[in-house]
């Protein structure tokens, strides 16, 4: 009798969890779709847009005044700042120049060690490497819980690898579709930048996968622990089969960072974007597809590459 009651309660909890997760997922998708058609309104309401417009006008005035003479270093610097600020609102990315953007991004990315040698970016680098190392050390203690528990069964059914991958593809596609239907270049450029960010984060995370060859938690034998997982998996040329880092997390946070930056005039947009990215990233752990350290490094790659590499190119 007790077993029957326990099973019934478990099924009820799982059903409730599935219902909640479905509502959360569809709500996030609806919110994402709602942002796109209202993007022009959001930009019109932001005071930053007005400031940037003034800066653009000032930059053009400076260029006109100095067209017949050699610009001084101070004037050139001022014009550059204003132009960069204006371009942060309207990027020049298009289908035609997207490959060149990605090549520029990758060049800056793989030359990052040069910046470290020059003494730059050490604090965030040490922070990311340090947190990743701590999580790797604790993975073997955390994963047995996720292998035993059934508390996340409903959550994993809804936020499966297939459904979360569909969300990552669907959100940029929605911005592209709405932008084309409304003839709004800002929305279509958001979709293109999201695709650029996704590919920029995918290339390094695939390289790391090929080097790390980490077993997925689901591939570890039930009689074994999780202490010896690196350099043991069979990896495809695209990194499939290797756990470290999480491609879902990298993709989710790269797309979320684009949306959060492009529509940050509305305060709720970054919360929704990063919140959904966090849910997608975490879903890989109870699904036994990734370790917590995989998810953290993937999310860190997606955010930092997009925020400080992709947006640098698009500004």
Protein backbone atom coordinates (compact mmCIF):
# COMPACT_ATOMS: atom_id res chain seq x y z
CA UNK A 1 0.00 0.00 0.00
CA UNK A 2 2.79 2.41 0.88
CA UNK A 3 4.56 1.63 -2.39
CA UNK A 4 1.39 2.33 -4.37
CA UNK A 5 0.90 5.65 -2.58
CA UNK A 6 4.52 6.63 -3.15
CA UNK A 7 4.30 5.80 -6.85
CA UNK A 8 1.07 7.77 -7.19
CA UNK A 9 2.58 10.80 -5.45
CA UNK A 10 5.66 10.57 -7.66
CA UNK A 11 3.53 10.48 -10.80
CA UNK A 12 1.54 13.48 -9.61
CA UNK A 13 4.72 15.45 -8.93
CA UNK A 14 6.07 14.51 -12.34
CA UNK A 15 2.83 15.56 -14.06
CA UNK A 16 2.82 18.89 -12.22
CA UNK A 17 6.46 19.45 -13.13
CA UNK A 18 5.78 18.71 -16.79
CA UNK A 19 2.83 21.12 -16.81
CA UNK A 20 4.90 23.87 -15.17
CA UNK A 21 7.85 23.34 -17.52
CA UNK A 22 5.64 23.46 -20.60
CA UNK A 23 4.05 26.69 -19.42
CA UNK A 24 7.50 28.17 -18.71
CA UNK A 25 8.89 27.14 -22.07
CA UNK A 26 5.96 28.46 -24.10
CA UNK A 27 5.87 31.65 -22.05
CA UNK A 28 9.54 32.29 -22.82
CA UNK A 29 8.95 31.66 -26.53
CA UNK A 30 5.96 34.00 -26.58
CA UNK A 31 7.95 36.71 -24.79
CA UNK A 32 10.77 36.30 -27.29
CA UNK A 33 8.35 36.68 -30.18
CA UNK A 34 6.77 39.67 -28.51
CA UNK A 35 10.08 41.52 -28.29
CA UNK A 36 10.74 41.44 -32.02
CA UNK A 37 7.67 43.27 -33.39
CA UNK A 38 7.94 45.88 -30.63
CA UNK A 39 11.66 46.46 -31.09
CA UNK A 40 11.16 49.78 -32.85
CA UNK A 41 8.95 50.97 -30.00
CA UNK A 42 11.53 49.91 -27.44
CA UNK A 43 14.26 51.77 -29.27
CA UNK A 44 12.11 54.86 -29.61
CA UNK A 45 11.50 54.93 -25.88
CA UNK A 46 15.13 54.67 -24.83
CA UNK A 47 16.97 57.90 -24.00
CA UNK A 48 20.25 56.28 -25.07
CA UNK A 49 19.02 56.30 -28.68
CA UNK A 50 18.51 60.05 -28.53
CA UNK A 51 21.99 60.57 -27.10
CA UNK A 52 23.51 58.38 -29.79
CA UNK A 53 21.63 60.30 -32.48
CA UNK A 54 23.09 63.55 -31.14
CA UNK A 55 26.54 61.99 -31.10
CA UNK A 56 26.08 60.86 -34.70
CA UNK A 57 25.12 64.39 -35.74
CA UNK A 58 28.13 65.77 -33.89
CA UNK A 59 30.40 63.28 -35.63
CA UNK A 60 29.07 64.29 -39.06
CA UNK A 61 29.55 67.97 -38.20
CA UNK A 62 33.16 67.31 -37.20
CA UNK A 63 33.77 65.42 -40.44
CA UNK A 64 32.32 68.31 -42.47
CA UNK A 65 34.40 70.91 -40.65
CA UNK A 66 37.61 68.94 -41.09
CA UNK A 67 37.03 67.66 -44.63
CA UNK A 68 39.30 70.31 -46.14
CA UNK A 69 42.07 70.04 -43.57
CA UNK A 70 44.01 67.43 -41.67
CA UNK A 71 42.11 66.41 -38.57
CA UNK A 72 43.82 66.81 -35.23
CA UNK A 73 44.27 63.69 -33.06
CA UNK A 74 41.69 65.02 -30.59
CA UNK A 75 39.06 65.58 -33.28
CA UNK A 76 39.71 62.19 -34.83
CA UNK A 77 39.31 60.49 -31.46
CA UNK A 78 36.07 62.33 -30.75
CA UNK A 79 34.65 61.43 -34.14
CA UNK A 80 35.62 57.79 -33.65
CA UNK A 81 33.89 57.60 -30.29
CA UNK A 82 30.68 59.08 -31.67
CA UNK A 83 30.73 56.85 -34.74
CA UNK A 84 31.31 53.74 -32.63
CA UNK A 85 28.41 54.70 -30.39
CA UNK A 86 26.11 55.17 -33.36
CA UNK A 87 27.13 51.87 -34.89
CA UNK A 88 26.33 50.08 -31.65
CA UNK A 89 22.66 50.74 -32.44
CA UNK A 90 22.78 49.98 -36.18
CA UNK A 91 25.25 47.27 -37.07
CA UNK A 92 26.36 46.75 -40.67
CA UNK A 93 26.10 42.95 -40.52
CA UNK A 94 24.38 41.31 -43.48
CA UNK A 95 24.22 37.91 -45.17
CA UNK A 96 26.94 39.09 -47.55
CA UNK A 97 29.52 40.16 -44.97
CA UNK A 98 28.61 37.68 -42.23
CA UNK A 99 31.48 35.28 -43.12
CA UNK A 100 33.96 38.17 -42.94
CA UNK A 101 32.59 39.17 -39.54
CA UNK A 102 33.07 35.63 -38.27
CA UNK A 103 36.64 35.53 -39.60
CA UNK A 104 37.43 38.81 -37.82
CA UNK A 105 35.86 37.49 -34.63
CA UNK A 106 37.87 34.28 -34.78
CA UNK A 107 41.10 36.15 -35.43
CA UNK A 108 40.59 38.25 -32.32
CA UNK A 109 39.55 35.17 -30.35
CA UNK A 110 42.58 33.03 -31.18
CA UNK A 111 44.92 35.99 -30.64
CA UNK A 112 43.56 36.36 -27.11
CA UNK A 113 46.76 34.84 -25.58
CA UNK A 114 48.64 37.82 -27.02
CA UNK A 115 46.45 40.12 -24.92
CA UNK A 116 47.22 38.01 -21.87
CA UNK A 117 50.93 38.30 -22.61
CA UNK A 118 50.46 42.06 -22.65
CA UNK A 119 48.96 41.91 -19.16
CA UNK A 120 45.33 42.38 -20.20
CA UNK A 121 42.15 40.52 -19.12
CA UNK A 122 43.87 38.51 -16.40
CA UNK A 123 41.19 39.01 -13.74
CA UNK A 124 38.22 37.59 -15.72
CA UNK A 125 40.41 34.85 -17.18
CA UNK A 126 41.59 33.71 -13.75
CA UNK A 127 38.02 33.88 -12.44
CA UNK A 128 36.61 31.68 -15.22
CA UNK A 129 39.49 29.18 -15.10
CA UNK A 130 39.34 29.06 -11.29
CA UNK A 131 35.59 28.46 -11.08
CA UNK A 132 35.82 25.82 -13.82
CA UNK A 133 38.63 24.03 -11.97
CA UNK A 134 36.65 24.02 -8.72
CA UNK A 135 33.58 22.64 -10.49
CA UNK A 136 35.63 19.92 -12.18
CA UNK A 137 36.96 18.89 -8.76
CA UNK A 138 33.43 18.74 -7.33
CA UNK A 139 31.71 17.09 -10.32
CA UNK A 140 32.40 13.63 -8.94
CA UNK A 141 30.54 14.53 -5.75
CA UNK A 142 27.57 16.25 -7.43
CA UNK A 143 26.72 13.86 -10.26
CA UNK A 144 25.80 10.78 -8.15
CA UNK A 145 22.80 12.75 -6.86
CA UNK A 146 21.53 13.47 -10.38
CA UNK A 147 22.06 9.83 -11.36
CA UNK A 148 19.94 8.61 -8.40
CA UNK A 149 17.16 11.16 -8.23
CA UNK A 150 13.98 11.16 -10.28
CA UNK A 151 12.93 14.64 -9.16
CA UNK A 152 13.89 16.16 -12.51
CA UNK A 153 12.23 13.58 -14.76
CA UNK A 154 9.41 15.89 -15.77
CA UNK A 155 11.80 18.80 -16.20
CA UNK A 156 14.08 16.71 -18.44
CA UNK A 157 11.14 15.48 -20.52
CA UNK A 158 10.17 19.04 -21.38
CA UNK A 159 13.62 20.62 -21.60
CA UNK A 160 15.21 17.81 -23.56
CA UNK A 161 18.22 18.28 -25.79
CA UNK A 162 15.97 18.34 -28.86
CA UNK A 163 13.47 20.89 -27.54
CA UNK A 164 16.11 23.25 -26.15
CA UNK A 165 18.03 23.04 -29.41
CA UNK A 166 14.83 23.96 -31.23
CA UNK A 167 14.44 27.02 -28.98
CA UNK A 168 18.01 28.13 -29.76
CA UNK A 169 17.26 27.92 -33.47
CA UNK A 170 13.72 29.26 -33.19
CA UNK A 171 14.43 32.51 -31.35
CA UNK A 172 16.83 34.01 -33.96
CA UNK A 173 14.57 32.65 -36.71
CA UNK A 174 11.62 34.48 -35.13
CA UNK A 175 13.54 37.77 -35.12
CA UNK A 176 14.51 37.23 -38.76
CA UNK A 177 10.94 36.42 -39.79
CA UNK A 178 9.44 39.38 -37.96
CA UNK A 179 12.14 41.68 -39.30
CA UNK A 180 11.46 40.61 -42.88
CA UNK A 181 7.69 40.87 -42.49
CA UNK A 182 7.91 44.34 -40.93
CA UNK A 183 10.85 45.50 -43.08
CA UNK A 184 12.78 46.20 -39.88
CA UNK A 185 16.51 45.95 -40.48
CA UNK A 186 17.25 46.15 -36.76
CA UNK A 187 15.42 42.88 -36.10
CA UNK A 188 16.99 41.11 -39.06
CA UNK A 189 20.43 42.28 -37.93
CA UNK A 190 19.65 40.96 -34.44
CA UNK A 191 19.01 37.55 -35.98
CA UNK A 192 22.22 37.73 -38.02
CA UNK A 193 24.30 38.80 -35.04
CA UNK A 194 22.77 35.96 -33.02
CA UNK A 195 23.82 33.54 -35.74
CA UNK A 196 27.27 35.09 -35.81
CA UNK A 197 27.59 34.77 -32.03
CA UNK A 198 26.38 31.17 -32.10
CA UNK A 199 28.97 30.16 -34.71
CA UNK A 200 31.73 32.14 -32.99
CA UNK A 201 31.12 30.28 -29.73
CA UNK A 202 30.66 26.93 -31.50
CA UNK A 203 34.11 26.88 -33.10
CA UNK A 204 36.18 27.13 -29.89
CA UNK A 205 33.88 24.85 -27.91
CA UNK A 206 34.19 22.15 -30.60
CA UNK A 207 37.98 22.50 -30.49
CA UNK A 208 37.95 22.10 -26.70
CA UNK A 209 35.68 19.07 -27.03
CA UNK A 210 38.10 17.44 -29.44
CA UNK A 211 40.97 18.04 -27.03
CA UNK A 212 39.23 17.12 -23.77
CA UNK A 213 37.38 13.99 -24.97
CA UNK A 214 35.43 13.90 -21.72
CA UNK A 215 32.87 11.18 -21.12
CA UNK A 216 29.29 12.28 -20.70
CA UNK A 217 27.79 11.42 -17.30
CA UNK A 218 25.38 9.05 -19.02
CA UNK A 219 28.35 7.15 -20.47
CA UNK A 220 29.91 6.46 -17.07
CA UNK A 221 29.14 2.93 -15.89
CA UNK A 222 26.67 2.72 -13.02
CA UNK A 223 29.24 0.83 -10.97
CA UNK A 224 31.93 3.49 -11.53
CA UNK A 225 32.36 6.95 -10.09
CA UNK A 226 32.82 10.19 -12.01
CA UNK A 227 36.44 10.86 -11.09
CA UNK A 228 38.10 9.70 -14.33
CA UNK A 229 36.24 11.14 -17.30
CA UNK A 230 38.71 13.15 -19.39
CA UNK A 231 40.47 11.81 -22.53
CA UNK A 232 38.31 8.68 -22.60
CA UNK A 233 35.48 9.27 -25.05
CA UNK A 234 35.25 8.59 -28.77
CA UNK A 235 34.70 11.94 -30.44
CA UNK A 236 33.38 12.76 -33.90
CA UNK A 237 35.12 15.45 -36.01
CA UNK A 238 32.53 17.96 -34.79
CA UNK A 239 33.04 17.11 -31.14
CA UNK A 240 29.96 14.94 -30.71
CA UNK A 241 30.49 12.46 -27.89
CA UNK A 242 32.61 14.77 -25.76
CA UNK A 243 31.05 16.46 -22.75
CA UNK A 244 33.40 19.36 -22.01
CA UNK A 245 32.19 22.09 -22.50
CA UNK A 246 28.42 22.24 -23.09
CA UNK A 247 27.48 23.37 -26.58
CA UNK A 248 23.88 23.99 -25.50
CA UNK A 249 25.06 26.38 -22.79
CA UNK A 250 27.44 28.19 -25.14
CA UNK A 251 24.74 28.61 -27.78
CA UNK A 252 22.06 29.65 -25.31
CA UNK A 253 24.17 32.35 -23.67
CA UNK A 254 25.56 33.66 -26.96
CA UNK A 255 22.02 34.22 -28.29
CA UNK A 256 20.79 35.55 -24.94
CA UNK A 257 23.64 38.06 -24.79
CA UNK A 258 22.77 39.40 -28.25
CA UNK A 259 19.11 39.91 -27.32
CA UNK A 260 19.94 41.32 -23.88
CA UNK A 261 22.36 43.85 -25.36
CA UNK A 262 20.26 44.86 -28.35
CA UNK A 263 17.02 45.34 -26.36
CA UNK A 264 18.35 46.30 -22.95
CA UNK A 265 16.30 49.52 -22.98
CA UNK A 266 13.47 47.36 -21.65
CA UNK A 267 14.70 46.14 -18.29
CA UNK A 268 12.86 42.81 -18.33
CA UNK A 269 14.47 41.63 -21.58
CA UNK A 270 17.91 40.73 -20.10
CA UNK A 271 16.23 38.89 -17.22
CA UNK A 272 14.10 36.81 -19.58
CA UNK A 273 16.95 36.19 -22.02
CA UNK A 274 19.51 35.14 -19.43
CA UNK A 275 16.87 33.32 -17.39
CA UNK A 276 15.88 31.13 -20.32
CA UNK A 277 19.55 30.56 -21.17
CA UNK A 278 20.16 29.48 -17.59
CA UNK A 279 17.25 27.03 -17.65
CA UNK A 280 18.44 25.54 -20.94
CA UNK A 281 21.99 25.22 -19.62
CA UNK A 282 20.97 23.62 -16.33
CA UNK A 283 18.70 21.14 -18.12
CA UNK A 284 21.78 19.36 -19.44
CA UNK A 285 22.88 18.32 -15.93
CA UNK A 286 19.87 16.28 -14.67
CA UNK A 287 19.62 14.86 -18.20
CA UNK A 288 23.11 13.38 -17.56
CA UNK A 289 24.37 14.98 -20.76
CA UNK A 290 26.85 17.27 -19.01
CA UNK A 291 28.66 17.93 -15.76
CA UNK A 292 28.18 21.27 -13.94
CA UNK A 293 31.68 22.34 -15.01
CA UNK A 294 30.77 21.67 -18.65
CA UNK A 295 27.74 23.91 -18.35
CA UNK A 296 29.58 26.73 -16.59
CA UNK A 297 32.43 26.88 -19.10
CA UNK A 298 30.00 26.69 -22.03
CA UNK A 299 27.95 29.56 -20.61
CA UNK A 300 31.10 31.60 -19.92
CA UNK A 301 32.32 31.06 -23.49
CA UNK A 302 28.96 32.03 -24.98
CA UNK A 303 28.69 35.22 -22.93
CA UNK A 304 32.28 36.48 -23.11
CA UNK A 305 32.79 35.74 -26.81
CA UNK A 306 29.54 37.49 -27.71
CA UNK A 307 29.87 40.43 -25.34
CA UNK A 308 33.53 41.26 -25.88
CA UNK A 309 34.31 39.85 -29.34
CA UNK A 310 31.18 39.80 -31.48
CA UNK A 311 29.92 43.18 -30.27
CA UNK A 312 33.40 44.65 -30.62
CA UNK A 313 33.33 43.66 -34.31
CA UNK A 314 29.79 44.99 -34.75
CA UNK A 315 30.67 48.34 -33.19
